[in-house]
Protein backbone atom coordinates (compact mmCIF):
# COMPACT_ATOMS: atom_id res chain seq x y z
CA MET A 1 -32.04 38.45 -14.44
CA ASN A 2 -30.16 40.88 -16.80
CA LYS A 3 -28.11 39.37 -19.50
CA ILE A 4 -25.65 41.05 -21.94
CA VAL A 5 -24.49 38.76 -24.66
CA LEU A 6 -21.42 39.80 -26.59
CA THR A 7 -20.24 37.58 -29.51
CA LEU A 8 -16.46 37.78 -29.87
CA ALA A 9 -14.55 35.81 -32.40
CA GLY A 10 -17.21 33.02 -32.27
CA ALA A 11 -17.44 33.06 -28.42
CA VAL A 12 -20.20 34.12 -26.32
CA LEU A 13 -19.47 35.99 -23.11
CA PHE A 14 -22.29 36.11 -20.58
CA LEU A 15 -22.48 38.88 -17.88
CA PHE A 16 -24.94 38.30 -15.07
CA ALA A 17 -25.82 41.15 -12.86
CA SER A 18 -27.47 39.20 -10.07
CA ASP A 19 -26.54 35.57 -10.32
CA PRO A 20 -23.04 34.41 -11.18
CA ARG A 21 -24.37 30.79 -11.50
CA GLY A 22 -26.83 31.81 -14.16
CA ILE A 23 -24.76 30.41 -16.84
CA ALA A 24 -26.53 26.96 -16.08
CA GLN A 25 -29.76 28.29 -14.51
CA THR A 26 -31.55 29.71 -17.65
CA ASN A 27 -34.21 27.63 -19.55
CA THR A 28 -34.27 30.30 -22.27
CA ALA A 29 -33.51 28.88 -25.70
CA VAL A 30 -30.50 30.37 -27.56
CA PRO A 31 -31.11 30.83 -31.28
CA ALA A 32 -29.08 28.51 -33.30
CA THR A 33 -26.16 30.35 -35.07
CA THR A 34 -22.89 29.45 -36.42
CA ASN A 35 -20.88 31.35 -33.88
CA ARG A 36 -22.58 30.89 -30.60
CA PHE A 37 -22.42 28.25 -27.80
CA VAL A 38 -24.11 27.54 -24.57
CA MET A 39 -22.18 27.20 -21.40
CA ARG A 40 -23.58 25.00 -18.73
CA PHE A 41 -22.63 22.78 -15.75
CA THR A 42 -21.45 19.24 -16.51
CA GLU A 43 -20.76 16.14 -14.58
CA PRO A 44 -17.30 14.55 -14.77
CA ASP A 45 -16.70 11.38 -16.48
CA PRO A 46 -16.48 8.40 -13.99
CA LEU A 47 -13.12 6.78 -13.40
CA ASP A 48 -12.40 4.08 -15.81
CA PHE A 49 -9.91 1.83 -13.90
CA ASN A 50 -8.76 0.20 -16.99
CA ASP A 51 -7.84 3.36 -18.82
CA HIS A 52 -4.05 3.68 -18.70
CA GLU A 53 -3.54 6.45 -21.13
CA GLY A 54 -0.77 8.78 -19.62
CA TYR A 55 0.07 6.03 -17.08
CA GLN A 56 3.28 3.78 -16.75
CA SER A 57 2.98 0.26 -15.54
CA LEU A 58 5.28 -0.64 -12.49
CA PHE A 59 4.61 -4.51 -12.81
CA ASP A 60 4.89 -6.57 -16.03
CA GLY A 61 2.68 -9.35 -14.74
CA ALA A 62 5.31 -11.98 -14.91
CA SER A 63 8.41 -10.95 -12.88
CA LEU A 64 9.75 -8.76 -10.15
CA LYS A 65 11.78 -6.79 -12.48
CA GLY A 66 12.40 -3.27 -11.05
CA TRP A 67 11.22 -4.62 -7.58
CA ASP A 68 13.63 -5.10 -4.62
CA GLY A 69 12.67 -7.15 -1.49
CA ASN A 70 13.30 -10.40 0.54
CA PRO A 71 12.79 -13.31 -1.84
CA LYS A 72 11.81 -15.48 1.21
CA PHE A 73 8.44 -13.53 1.21
CA TRP A 74 7.93 -12.17 -2.26
CA ARG A 75 7.14 -13.74 -5.51
CA VAL A 76 4.95 -13.75 -8.70
CA GLU A 77 2.07 -15.91 -8.85
CA ASP A 78 -1.04 -15.90 -11.26
CA GLY A 79 -0.13 -12.65 -12.65
CA ALA A 80 0.14 -10.79 -9.36
CA ILE A 81 3.01 -9.83 -6.85
CA VAL A 82 2.44 -12.06 -3.83
CA GLY A 83 3.68 -11.54 -0.33
CA GLU A 84 3.19 -14.27 2.19
CA SER A 85 3.96 -14.59 5.75
CA THR A 86 3.33 -17.99 7.64
CA LYS A 87 3.85 -19.23 11.09
CA GLN A 88 6.65 -21.39 9.65
CA ASN A 89 8.08 -18.46 7.63
CA PRO A 90 7.09 -15.32 9.52
CA SER A 91 8.07 -11.97 7.81
CA GLY A 92 7.19 -9.18 10.38
CA ASN A 93 7.00 -6.02 8.51
CA SER A 94 8.56 -6.69 5.09
CA TYR A 95 8.55 -4.43 2.07
CA LEU A 96 9.05 -4.71 -1.72
CA ALA A 97 10.34 -1.64 -3.13
CA TYR A 98 10.01 -0.55 -6.79
CA ARG A 99 13.42 1.02 -7.78
CA GLY A 100 12.53 2.14 -11.29
CA MET A 101 10.73 5.38 -10.31
CA LYS A 102 10.84 8.09 -7.57
CA ALA A 103 7.67 10.43 -7.58
CA LYS A 104 6.26 13.11 -5.44
CA ASP A 105 2.96 14.24 -7.45
CA PHE A 106 0.96 11.31 -9.18
CA THR A 107 -2.09 9.34 -9.51
CA LEU A 108 -1.64 5.72 -8.54
CA LYS A 109 -4.00 2.76 -9.38
CA PHE A 110 -3.77 -0.78 -8.31
CA GLU A 111 -5.69 -3.99 -7.32
CA ILE A 112 -5.11 -5.42 -3.93
CA LYS A 113 -6.36 -8.57 -2.12
CA VAL A 114 -5.55 -10.01 1.39
CA VAL A 115 -6.31 -13.45 2.35
CA GLY A 116 -6.27 -13.98 6.08
CA ASN A 117 -6.43 -11.53 8.99
CA GLY A 118 -3.14 -9.67 8.41
CA GLY A 119 -2.34 -6.32 6.94
CA SER A 120 -0.90 -4.84 3.99
CA GLY A 121 -0.37 -1.41 2.46
CA PHE A 122 1.17 0.45 -0.47
CA GLN A 123 4.00 2.79 0.25
CA TYR A 124 4.65 5.92 -1.72
CA ARG A 125 6.90 9.00 -1.46
CA SER A 126 8.96 6.54 0.67
CA LEU A 127 12.65 5.80 1.19
CA THR A 128 14.69 2.87 2.27
CA GLY A 129 17.91 2.63 4.52
CA ILE A 130 16.47 4.50 7.45
CA PRO A 131 16.91 3.04 11.05
CA TRP A 132 13.78 1.20 12.20
CA LEU A 133 11.95 2.58 15.15
CA ALA A 134 9.70 -0.27 16.21
CA PRO A 135 11.13 -3.42 17.85
CA ILE A 136 11.46 -6.50 15.67
CA SER A 137 10.38 -9.87 17.07
CA PRO A 138 13.18 -12.28 17.70
CA ALA A 139 11.21 -14.98 15.70
CA VAL A 140 11.41 -12.75 12.60
CA THR A 141 15.18 -12.20 12.91
CA SER A 142 15.87 -15.78 13.68
CA ASN A 143 13.92 -16.76 10.35
CA ALA A 144 14.85 -13.88 8.05
CA GLY A 145 18.27 -12.64 9.49
CA PRO A 146 19.45 -9.33 10.56
CA VAL A 147 17.30 -6.54 9.39
CA ASN A 148 18.25 -5.36 5.98
CA LEU A 149 17.18 -1.57 6.05
CA ASN A 150 17.37 -1.49 2.23
CA TRP A 151 14.27 -3.68 2.48
CA MET A 152 12.46 -1.53 5.09
CA MET A 153 10.45 1.55 3.84
CA THR A 154 9.79 4.89 5.76
CA GLY A 155 7.09 7.14 4.35
CA PRO A 156 3.29 7.59 3.63
CA GLN A 157 1.28 4.35 3.32
CA ALA A 158 -2.19 3.71 1.79
CA ASP A 159 -3.19 1.18 4.40
CA PHE A 160 -5.03 -2.02 3.54
CA TRP A 161 -6.12 -4.26 6.37
CA PRO A 162 -9.55 -5.69 5.64
CA SER A 163 -10.17 -7.42 8.88
CA ARG A 164 -9.57 -4.35 10.85
CA ILE A 165 -10.61 -0.54 10.71
CA TYR A 166 -7.25 0.47 8.93
CA THR A 167 -8.13 0.14 5.44
CA GLY A 168 -7.96 3.54 3.52
CA GLN A 169 -6.29 5.58 6.32
CA PHE A 170 -3.24 7.62 5.80
CA TYR A 171 -0.27 6.15 7.64
CA SER A 172 3.24 7.36 8.03
CA GLU A 173 5.38 4.40 8.28
CA ASN A 174 8.36 4.40 10.62
CA THR A 175 8.02 8.03 11.68
CA PRO A 176 6.60 9.43 14.93
CA MET A 177 3.46 10.57 13.02
CA ARG A 178 1.95 7.18 12.58
CA ILE A 179 -1.73 7.41 11.82
CA ILE A 180 -2.40 10.70 10.60
CA ALA A 181 -5.84 10.57 9.03
CA TRP A 182 -7.91 7.70 10.01
CA ARG A 183 -10.51 6.27 7.65
CA GLY A 184 -13.42 8.81 7.21
CA GLN A 185 -11.24 11.85 8.11
CA VAL A 186 -9.84 15.06 6.47
CA VAL A 187 -6.89 16.05 8.38
CA GLU A 188 -4.56 19.23 8.25
CA ASN A 189 -1.23 18.73 9.93
CA PHE A 190 2.29 20.35 10.02
CA GLY A 191 4.49 17.34 10.02
CA ALA A 192 4.81 15.84 13.48
CA ALA A 193 4.19 19.09 15.14
CA ASN A 194 0.42 19.15 15.00
CA LYS A 195 -2.66 17.75 13.52
CA ARG A 196 -6.33 18.78 13.30
CA LEU A 197 -9.57 17.23 12.10
CA MET A 198 -10.97 19.44 9.42
CA GLY A 199 -13.91 17.44 8.55
CA THR A 200 -15.29 13.95 7.99
CA ILE A 201 -16.11 11.79 5.01
CA GLY A 202 -18.37 9.30 6.67
CA ASP A 203 -18.74 6.86 9.55
CA ARG A 204 -15.71 4.76 9.91
CA ALA A 205 -17.58 1.39 10.20
CA ASP A 206 -19.90 2.35 7.28
CA LEU A 207 -17.08 3.04 4.97
CA GLY A 208 -15.59 -0.39 5.81
CA LYS A 209 -18.52 -1.71 3.87
CA PHE A 210 -16.78 -0.78 0.72
CA VAL A 211 -13.77 -3.03 1.39
CA LYS A 212 -13.86 -6.59 0.11
CA THR A 213 -12.38 -9.34 2.20
CA ASN A 214 -10.58 -12.04 0.36
CA GLU A 215 -11.47 -10.34 -3.07
CA TRP A 216 -9.78 -7.91 -5.29
CA ASN A 217 -10.15 -4.27 -4.42
CA GLN A 218 -9.54 -1.17 -6.66
CA TYR A 219 -7.25 1.34 -4.89
CA THR A 220 -6.48 4.85 -6.10
CA VAL A 221 -4.00 7.31 -4.52
CA ILE A 222 -3.83 10.96 -5.48
CA ALA A 223 -0.82 12.95 -4.32
CA ARG A 224 -0.69 16.66 -5.31
CA GLY A 225 1.84 18.77 -3.23
CA GLY A 226 0.88 18.48 0.40
CA VAL A 227 -2.51 16.83 -0.31
CA CYS A 228 -2.84 12.95 -0.30
CA MET A 229 -6.19 11.25 -1.02
CA HIS A 230 -7.12 7.56 -0.61
CA ILE A 231 -9.92 6.04 -2.59
CA VAL A 232 -10.94 2.35 -2.30
CA ASN A 233 -13.50 0.95 -4.80
CA GLY A 234 -14.50 4.32 -5.88
CA GLN A 235 -15.14 5.54 -2.31
CA LEU A 236 -13.14 8.40 -0.69
CA MET A 237 -11.57 7.06 2.52
CA ALA A 238 -9.07 9.71 3.97
CA VAL A 239 -7.51 12.94 2.98
CA ASP A 240 -4.44 14.36 4.52
CA VAL A 241 -3.08 17.92 4.08
CA ASP A 242 0.39 18.34 5.21
CA ASP A 243 1.60 21.91 5.24
CA ASP A 244 5.21 21.27 6.38
CA PRO A 245 7.37 21.24 3.29
CA SER A 246 10.12 19.52 5.07
CA SER A 247 7.91 16.69 6.17
CA SER A 248 8.59 13.14 5.07
CA ASN A 249 5.06 13.08 3.71
CA ASN A 250 6.00 15.81 1.07
CA GLN A 251 9.32 14.32 -0.22
CA PRO A 252 9.68 12.36 -3.64
CA GLY A 253 10.20 8.77 -2.92
CA TYR A 254 9.75 5.17 -3.92
CA PHE A 255 6.54 3.03 -4.28
CA GLY A 256 6.38 -0.27 -2.40
CA ILE A 257 4.11 -3.01 -1.02
CA GLU A 258 4.08 -4.13 2.58
CA ILE A 259 3.20 -7.37 4.26
CA GLU A 260 2.48 -7.44 8.05
CA ALA A 261 1.55 -10.33 10.44
CA ILE A 262 0.50 -13.71 9.25
CA THR A 263 -1.19 -13.33 5.83
CA LYS A 264 -1.00 -13.41 2.06
CA VAL A 265 -1.26 -10.15 -0.04
CA SER A 266 -1.65 -10.07 -3.79
CA VAL A 267 -1.10 -6.99 -5.90
CA ARG A 268 -1.70 -6.50 -9.62
CA ASN A 269 -2.38 -3.95 -12.37
CA ILE A 270 -0.15 -1.18 -10.82
CA TRP A 271 -0.19 1.95 -12.82
CA VAL A 272 1.18 5.51 -12.16
CA ARG A 273 0.60 8.79 -13.83
CA LYS A 274 3.52 10.84 -12.76
CA LEU A 275 3.31 14.51 -12.87
CA ASP A 276 6.63 15.74 -11.38
């Protein structure tokens, strides 16, 4: 392999005639000098879930300051936001919206735990006040009163339902798109017009082994432009690429937490690195 080494202002420029990857393939020692360096491939540092540099906290650990939802179902308990729906106090789909920030491009980290067989999810790029598409049980309205659309969220959701196959999937709440990328899928879509499976991450059942039941789980959501990625306990679960700039998946919006069915969800350590 031919190499030409040019030293310019303390930097070394390597030109390879045959192998563009050669910057990391040679075992030839480079003589130590004061104005040379060796370029090589490196591995990225692993995510430190407790590193919050550049992040903003959405939850103070003690109150629901900045959050908006039905107090019949949402409270703070043991340093976590808790949503609970029981047979005596059914919530149906109930949401707690964070009013202190709207964001489109961000990295979100939080911890979540569900006790029971019900489901939850974390809303992002979401709006409130939009008419609800799905029917609401009379048992819910008789308990909670008429639907308050300010407490109902529409938009992308990082799904979390440990007892079923939904955890990690990309779900579009209260839109005709519904499940866009199931767990284990990389999907390209153009809003509600069409969607196509571009590749797979792994077997849906095998990926479910990364999900902890009745225990804390670390959840990361990365949203950049039309690309959204869901990561649970360090494992990539689903990727959606929405190429429609007018899609509800591609608009700035609120963050929020959902509770669904008879269950108890706890969320803590909610941090966002906002880029837009």
